[in-house]
N, C-alpha and C. Protein backbone atom coordinates (compact mmCIF):
# COMPACT_ATOMS: atom_id res chain seq x y z
N MET A 1 49.73 4.12 -10.00
CA MET A 1 50.43 3.38 -8.97
C MET A 1 51.85 3.12 -9.46
N ASN A 2 52.80 3.27 -8.59
CA ASN A 2 54.18 3.07 -9.01
C ASN A 2 54.60 1.62 -8.80
N ALA A 3 55.74 1.26 -9.35
CA ALA A 3 56.22 -0.12 -9.32
C ALA A 3 56.45 -0.67 -7.91
N PRO A 4 56.99 0.09 -6.95
CA PRO A 4 57.17 -0.47 -5.61
C PRO A 4 55.86 -0.90 -4.94
N ASP A 5 54.77 -0.15 -5.18
CA ASP A 5 53.48 -0.54 -4.62
C ASP A 5 53.02 -1.88 -5.17
N LYS A 6 53.17 -2.07 -6.47
CA LYS A 6 52.78 -3.33 -7.08
C LYS A 6 53.64 -4.47 -6.56
N ALA A 7 54.91 -4.20 -6.33
CA ALA A 7 55.81 -5.23 -5.83
C ALA A 7 55.41 -5.66 -4.42
N VAL A 8 55.01 -4.73 -3.59
CA VAL A 8 54.59 -5.04 -2.22
C VAL A 8 53.35 -5.93 -2.25
N ALA A 9 52.37 -5.55 -3.07
CA ALA A 9 51.13 -6.33 -3.16
C ALA A 9 51.41 -7.72 -3.70
N PHE A 10 52.22 -7.81 -4.73
CA PHE A 10 52.53 -9.10 -5.33
C PHE A 10 53.30 -9.99 -4.36
N GLU A 11 54.25 -9.41 -3.65
CA GLU A 11 55.04 -10.17 -2.68
C GLU A 11 54.15 -10.72 -1.55
N ALA A 12 53.22 -9.90 -1.07
CA ALA A 12 52.30 -10.36 -0.03
C ALA A 12 51.40 -11.47 -0.54
N LEU A 13 50.97 -11.35 -1.79
CA LEU A 13 50.14 -12.38 -2.40
C LEU A 13 50.90 -13.70 -2.53
N MET A 14 52.16 -13.63 -2.90
CA MET A 14 52.95 -14.84 -3.10
C MET A 14 53.34 -15.52 -1.79
N LYS A 15 53.33 -14.80 -0.67
CA LYS A 15 53.67 -15.40 0.61
C LYS A 15 52.55 -16.25 1.18
N ASP A 16 51.31 -15.97 0.77
CA ASP A 16 50.17 -16.73 1.26
C ASP A 16 50.10 -18.09 0.57
N ALA A 17 49.79 -19.11 1.33
CA ALA A 17 49.60 -20.44 0.76
C ALA A 17 48.17 -20.54 0.22
N PRO A 18 48.00 -20.99 -1.01
CA PRO A 18 46.66 -21.06 -1.59
C PRO A 18 45.74 -21.98 -0.79
N GLY A 19 44.57 -21.50 -0.49
CA GLY A 19 43.56 -22.31 0.18
C GLY A 19 43.71 -22.41 1.69
N SER A 20 44.82 -21.97 2.24
CA SER A 20 45.01 -22.12 3.68
C SER A 20 44.58 -20.88 4.46
N ASP A 21 44.43 -19.77 3.79
CA ASP A 21 44.08 -18.52 4.46
C ASP A 21 42.75 -18.02 3.91
N HIS A 22 41.79 -17.86 4.77
CA HIS A 22 40.47 -17.40 4.36
C HIS A 22 40.15 -16.09 5.07
N TYR A 23 40.85 -15.05 4.68
CA TYR A 23 40.65 -13.73 5.27
C TYR A 23 39.32 -13.15 4.78
N ASP A 24 38.57 -12.53 5.66
CA ASP A 24 37.31 -11.88 5.31
C ASP A 24 37.17 -10.63 6.16
N SER A 25 37.13 -9.46 5.51
CA SER A 25 37.03 -8.21 6.25
C SER A 25 35.62 -8.00 6.82
N GLY A 26 34.65 -8.69 6.27
CA GLY A 26 33.28 -8.54 6.74
C GLY A 26 32.52 -7.44 6.04
N TYR A 27 33.17 -6.72 5.14
CA TYR A 27 32.54 -5.61 4.42
C TYR A 27 32.78 -5.77 2.93
N ASP A 28 31.78 -5.42 2.12
CA ASP A 28 31.96 -5.42 0.68
C ASP A 28 32.78 -4.21 0.27
N GLY A 29 33.51 -4.35 -0.83
CA GLY A 29 34.33 -3.25 -1.32
C GLY A 29 33.88 -2.77 -2.68
N ILE A 30 34.75 -2.07 -3.39
CA ILE A 30 34.41 -1.58 -4.71
C ILE A 30 34.30 -2.73 -5.71
N LEU A 31 34.98 -3.82 -5.42
CA LEU A 31 34.91 -5.05 -6.21
C LEU A 31 34.55 -6.20 -5.28
N PRO A 32 33.95 -7.26 -5.80
CA PRO A 32 33.62 -8.40 -4.94
C PRO A 32 34.85 -9.02 -4.25
N GLU A 33 35.99 -8.96 -4.92
CA GLU A 33 37.21 -9.55 -4.38
C GLU A 33 37.80 -8.77 -3.22
N CYS A 34 37.40 -7.52 -3.05
CA CYS A 34 37.95 -6.67 -1.98
C CYS A 34 37.70 -7.26 -0.60
N ARG A 35 36.60 -7.92 -0.42
CA ARG A 35 36.24 -8.46 0.88
C ARG A 35 37.30 -9.45 1.39
N ASN A 36 37.96 -10.16 0.49
CA ASN A 36 38.96 -11.16 0.86
C ASN A 36 40.39 -10.64 0.79
N CYS A 37 40.56 -9.38 0.47
CA CYS A 37 41.91 -8.81 0.30
C CYS A 37 42.45 -8.27 1.62
N ARG A 38 43.69 -8.56 1.92
CA ARG A 38 44.31 -8.08 3.15
C ARG A 38 44.56 -6.58 3.15
N PHE A 39 44.56 -5.95 1.99
CA PHE A 39 44.77 -4.51 1.89
C PHE A 39 43.47 -3.72 1.99
N HIS A 40 42.34 -4.40 2.06
CA HIS A 40 41.02 -3.75 2.12
C HIS A 40 40.84 -3.06 3.46
N ARG A 41 40.48 -1.79 3.42
CA ARG A 41 40.25 -1.00 4.63
C ARG A 41 38.86 -0.36 4.55
N PRO A 42 37.81 -1.12 4.83
CA PRO A 42 36.45 -0.62 4.63
C PRO A 42 36.06 0.53 5.56
N LEU A 43 36.71 0.68 6.66
CA LEU A 43 36.32 1.72 7.62
C LEU A 43 37.11 3.02 7.46
N TRP A 44 38.06 3.05 6.52
CA TRP A 44 38.77 4.29 6.26
C TRP A 44 37.81 5.29 5.63
N LYS A 45 38.01 6.55 5.90
CA LYS A 45 37.07 7.58 5.47
C LYS A 45 37.14 7.90 3.98
N TYR A 46 38.32 8.04 3.40
CA TYR A 46 38.45 8.54 2.04
C TYR A 46 38.79 7.49 0.98
N GLN A 47 39.29 6.36 1.36
CA GLN A 47 39.55 5.29 0.40
C GLN A 47 39.39 3.95 1.08
N SER A 48 39.17 2.92 0.28
CA SER A 48 38.83 1.62 0.84
C SER A 48 39.99 0.62 0.76
N CYS A 49 41.20 1.12 0.51
CA CYS A 49 42.35 0.23 0.35
C CYS A 49 43.62 0.96 0.82
N VAL A 50 44.63 0.19 1.11
CA VAL A 50 45.93 0.77 1.45
C VAL A 50 46.49 1.52 0.23
N PHE A 51 46.20 1.01 -0.95
CA PHE A 51 46.70 1.59 -2.20
C PHE A 51 45.65 2.51 -2.82
N GLU A 52 46.08 3.53 -3.56
CA GLU A 52 45.16 4.43 -4.24
C GLU A 52 44.50 3.75 -5.44
N GLU A 53 45.19 2.81 -6.06
CA GLU A 53 44.65 2.00 -7.15
C GLU A 53 44.84 0.54 -6.80
N CYS A 54 43.87 -0.27 -7.17
CA CYS A 54 43.93 -1.69 -6.84
C CYS A 54 45.14 -2.34 -7.53
N PRO A 55 46.04 -2.96 -6.76
CA PRO A 55 47.23 -3.57 -7.36
C PRO A 55 46.93 -4.89 -8.08
N TYR A 56 45.74 -5.43 -7.91
CA TYR A 56 45.39 -6.71 -8.52
C TYR A 56 44.56 -6.56 -9.79
N CYS A 57 44.05 -5.36 -10.08
CA CYS A 57 43.23 -5.13 -11.27
C CYS A 57 44.13 -4.91 -12.49
N ILE A 58 43.69 -5.44 -13.61
CA ILE A 58 44.44 -5.25 -14.84
C ILE A 58 44.31 -3.79 -15.31
N THR A 59 43.10 -3.27 -15.25
CA THR A 59 42.89 -1.86 -15.59
C THR A 59 42.97 -1.03 -14.32
N LYS A 60 43.21 0.25 -14.45
CA LYS A 60 43.32 1.11 -13.27
C LYS A 60 41.96 1.21 -12.58
N GLN A 61 41.90 0.83 -11.33
CA GLN A 61 40.68 0.89 -10.54
C GLN A 61 40.97 1.68 -9.27
N SER A 62 40.40 2.87 -9.17
CA SER A 62 40.64 3.72 -8.02
C SER A 62 39.94 3.14 -6.79
N THR A 63 40.57 3.28 -5.63
CA THR A 63 39.97 2.80 -4.39
C THR A 63 39.45 3.95 -3.54
N LYS A 64 39.50 5.16 -4.10
CA LYS A 64 38.99 6.31 -3.36
C LYS A 64 37.47 6.27 -3.32
N LYS A 65 36.92 6.60 -2.17
CA LYS A 65 35.47 6.59 -1.98
C LYS A 65 34.89 7.88 -2.54
N VAL A 66 33.71 7.78 -3.14
CA VAL A 66 33.00 8.96 -3.64
C VAL A 66 32.27 9.56 -2.46
N MET A 67 32.61 10.78 -2.13
CA MET A 67 31.98 11.48 -1.03
C MET A 67 30.67 12.09 -1.51
N SER A 68 29.68 12.15 -0.68
CA SER A 68 28.35 12.64 -1.08
C SER A 68 28.36 14.12 -1.50
N ASN A 69 29.29 14.91 -1.00
CA ASN A 69 29.32 16.34 -1.36
C ASN A 69 30.20 16.63 -2.58
N GLU A 70 30.79 15.59 -3.21
CA GLU A 70 31.65 15.79 -4.37
C GLU A 70 30.91 15.67 -5.69
N ARG A 71 29.63 15.45 -5.69
CA ARG A 71 28.90 15.22 -6.94
C ARG A 71 28.70 16.45 -7.72
């Protein structure tokens, strides 16, 4: 992930007031925290996030979905 992507995610995170916004996508993601993330896209076909890698994870965490025919 490049620096502009991280800046967008961080800026969006900083604009939200803590405790005042309780977003819930209604679907579990690759991580438990994905359900509450505004970038979570559970109904997308090939990845579950706007970003290819989670901008909030310390280690690189891919958001691409494993397709059943790719095994």
